[in-house]
Amino acid sequence: MPEFDEIFEDWDNPLITWDEAKQLCHEYFEELMRSRECKLKNGNSI
C-alpha cells in the first residue's frame, strides 16, 4: 500500500484534468442508465 504522501504527491499535476474527469463520469453515468433501462425493458430486476 502506498504511503499517504505518495498518493498526493502529484496532486498539482493530475493525470487528467477536472473537465476530463467530469466527462468520464458523465459518460459512465449515461452508460449505466442505458444498461438499467435495457434490463427494465427485458423484465429483469436490478
N, C-alpha and C. Protein backbone atom coordinates (compact mmCIF):
# COMPACT_ATOMS: atom_id res chain seq x y z
N MET A 1 0.84 -1.18 0.00
CA MET A 1 0.00 0.00 0.00
C MET A 1 0.89 1.25 0.00
N PRO A 2 0.59 2.22 -0.87
CA PRO A 2 1.43 3.41 -0.91
C PRO A 2 1.31 4.25 0.35
N GLU A 3 2.37 4.96 0.63
CA GLU A 3 2.33 5.88 1.77
C GLU A 3 1.35 7.01 1.47
N PHE A 4 0.85 7.62 2.52
CA PHE A 4 -0.13 8.70 2.35
C PHE A 4 0.42 9.82 1.47
N ASP A 5 1.69 10.20 1.69
CA ASP A 5 2.29 11.28 0.91
C ASP A 5 2.40 10.92 -0.56
N GLU A 6 2.65 9.64 -0.86
CA GLU A 6 2.79 9.22 -2.25
C GLU A 6 1.48 9.38 -3.02
N ILE A 7 0.37 9.17 -2.35
CA ILE A 7 -0.93 9.28 -3.00
C ILE A 7 -1.15 10.70 -3.51
N PHE A 8 -0.71 11.69 -2.76
CA PHE A 8 -0.98 13.08 -3.08
C PHE A 8 0.21 13.81 -3.68
N GLU A 9 1.31 13.12 -3.96
CA GLU A 9 2.49 13.85 -4.44
C GLU A 9 2.26 14.52 -5.79
N ASP A 10 1.37 13.96 -6.63
CA ASP A 10 1.09 14.56 -7.93
C ASP A 10 -0.23 15.32 -7.93
N TRP A 11 -0.66 15.76 -6.78
CA TRP A 11 -1.96 16.43 -6.67
C TRP A 11 -2.03 17.66 -7.57
N ASP A 12 -0.91 18.40 -7.70
CA ASP A 12 -0.90 19.61 -8.53
C ASP A 12 -0.69 19.30 -10.00
N ASN A 13 -0.39 18.05 -10.33
CA ASN A 13 -0.16 17.65 -11.71
C ASN A 13 -0.90 16.35 -11.97
N PRO A 14 -2.24 16.40 -11.97
CA PRO A 14 -3.02 15.17 -12.11
C PRO A 14 -2.88 14.55 -13.50
N LEU A 15 -3.21 13.28 -13.60
CA LEU A 15 -3.11 12.58 -14.88
C LEU A 15 -4.15 13.08 -15.87
N ILE A 16 -5.31 13.49 -15.37
CA ILE A 16 -6.35 14.06 -16.23
C ILE A 16 -6.85 15.34 -15.60
N THR A 17 -7.44 16.19 -16.42
CA THR A 17 -7.96 17.46 -15.90
C THR A 17 -9.31 17.24 -15.25
N TRP A 18 -9.77 18.25 -14.52
CA TRP A 18 -11.08 18.17 -13.87
C TRP A 18 -12.17 18.01 -14.93
N ASP A 19 -12.06 18.74 -16.04
CA ASP A 19 -13.06 18.63 -17.10
C ASP A 19 -13.09 17.23 -17.69
N GLU A 20 -11.91 16.62 -17.88
CA GLU A 20 -11.86 15.25 -18.40
C GLU A 20 -12.50 14.28 -17.41
N ALA A 21 -12.25 14.48 -16.14
CA ALA A 21 -12.83 13.61 -15.12
C ALA A 21 -14.35 13.72 -15.11
N LYS A 22 -14.85 14.95 -15.22
CA LYS A 22 -16.31 15.15 -15.25
C LYS A 22 -16.91 14.48 -16.47
N GLN A 23 -16.23 14.59 -17.63
CA GLN A 23 -16.73 13.98 -18.85
C GLN A 23 -16.77 12.46 -18.71
N LEU A 24 -15.73 11.87 -18.13
CA LEU A 24 -15.70 10.42 -17.94
C LEU A 24 -16.83 9.98 -17.02
N CYS A 25 -17.07 10.72 -15.95
CA CYS A 25 -18.15 10.38 -15.03
C CYS A 25 -19.50 10.48 -15.73
N HIS A 26 -19.67 11.51 -16.54
CA HIS A 26 -20.93 11.71 -17.25
C HIS A 26 -21.17 10.56 -18.22
N GLU A 27 -20.11 10.17 -18.96
CA GLU A 27 -20.24 9.06 -19.91
C GLU A 27 -20.56 7.76 -19.19
N TYR A 28 -19.90 7.51 -18.06
CA TYR A 28 -20.16 6.30 -17.30
C TYR A 28 -21.59 6.27 -16.79
N PHE A 29 -22.06 7.42 -16.29
CA PHE A 29 -23.42 7.51 -15.77
C PHE A 29 -24.44 7.23 -16.87
N GLU A 30 -24.22 7.81 -18.06
CA GLU A 30 -25.14 7.57 -19.18
C GLU A 30 -25.17 6.09 -19.55
N GLU A 31 -24.00 5.47 -19.57
CA GLU A 31 -23.92 4.05 -19.91
C GLU A 31 -24.65 3.21 -18.86
N LEU A 32 -24.49 3.56 -17.60
CA LEU A 32 -25.16 2.85 -16.52
C LEU A 32 -26.68 2.98 -16.65
N MET A 33 -27.15 4.18 -16.97
CA MET A 33 -28.59 4.38 -17.12
C MET A 33 -29.14 3.59 -18.30
N ARG A 34 -28.41 3.56 -19.41
CA ARG A 34 -28.84 2.77 -20.57
C ARG A 34 -28.91 1.30 -20.22
N SER A 35 -27.93 0.83 -19.47
CA SER A 35 -27.89 -0.56 -19.06
C SER A 35 -29.10 -0.90 -18.19
N ARG A 36 -29.44 -0.01 -17.27
CA ARG A 36 -30.60 -0.24 -16.40
C ARG A 36 -31.89 -0.22 -17.19
N GLU A 37 -31.99 0.70 -18.16
CA GLU A 37 -33.20 0.77 -18.98
C GLU A 37 -33.38 -0.52 -19.76
N CYS A 38 -32.30 -1.06 -20.30
CA CYS A 38 -32.38 -2.32 -21.05
C CYS A 38 -32.85 -3.45 -20.15
N LYS A 39 -32.33 -3.49 -18.93
CA LYS A 39 -32.72 -4.55 -18.00
C LYS A 39 -34.19 -4.42 -17.63
N LEU A 40 -34.65 -3.19 -17.45
CA LEU A 40 -36.06 -2.98 -17.10
C LEU A 40 -36.97 -3.38 -18.26
N LYS A 41 -36.56 -3.06 -19.48
CA LYS A 41 -37.36 -3.41 -20.65
C LYS A 41 -37.44 -4.92 -20.83
N ASN A 42 -36.37 -5.61 -20.43
CA ASN A 42 -36.34 -7.07 -20.56
C ASN A 42 -37.00 -7.77 -19.39
N GLY A 43 -37.49 -7.01 -18.42
CA GLY A 43 -38.19 -7.58 -17.28
C GLY A 43 -37.29 -8.10 -16.18
N ASN A 44 -36.02 -7.79 -16.25
CA ASN A 44 -35.10 -8.22 -15.21
C ASN A 44 -35.07 -7.19 -14.10
N SER A 45 -35.02 -7.64 -12.87
CA SER A 45 -34.88 -6.70 -11.77
C SER A 45 -33.40 -6.44 -11.55
N ILE A 46 -33.11 -5.30 -10.98
CA ILE A 46 -31.72 -4.91 -10.77
C ILE A 46 -31.21 -5.50 -9.48
